[in-house]
Amino acid sequence: MKYPVPAVLALLTACTAGAPPDITAAEREALADPPPAIRAEVAERLPETLAMLDRAEAAALTAGRPLTAAETATARALGVAHPERVRILTEARRPGEIFAALLGRGMVGGLTTGYGITVKPGFDADWLIAHELVHVQQFEAAGRAEMVRRYLTETLILPGNLIPIEREAIERAEAVAGPGGRYAY
């Protein structure tokens, strides 16, 4: 059985109104031990999603700028092990299928693909960069495939809700950079 989920998933930040619903006990249980159908769906989507993230990351790492001194300090405060590897690409034309599926809807302000961060023009506020740097640290801690597997799993189990990976990024980024925008879920 296919669960409702965008064709392409990536770590995303967005602006919208409203607070996300609480995660229920049943949802927490499913997150801890995903049902077989969710595991199968994730396994099916993982290779394509990783390939798309690889293409987006290559673009960001090739054409993106290094972190500023202030952004490097923020990255260190958030636990990023290698801030010197991070590149930020401001991209008006949304590269590849990831941006066609996500940014094309005008909802997503930033996308982290490992050490590559791509932001839409005008979406480079300190709070957003801090948020995306939390995702960099999450990638470093979990590893690329595991991070994407977790993201896909959380999105499939919690469609229409703000997933734990994003909740963590919001909380940690706001502790360092202050409150920022609103987030989609």
Foldseek 3Di string as FASTA:
>chain_A
DDFDDFLEDFDFWFFDDDDFDDQDPVLVVCLVPPDPVLLVNLVVSLVVNLVQLVVQQVVQQVPFDQDDPVLVVLLVLLPQPCSRSAGEAADQPQDDDVCVRPCVVVTTAWGASARGIYGYPPSPDQLSSSLNSNVNNVCVVQPRSRSSSSRSSQCRSDPQGDGPSSVVSQVSSCVRPNHDHHGGD
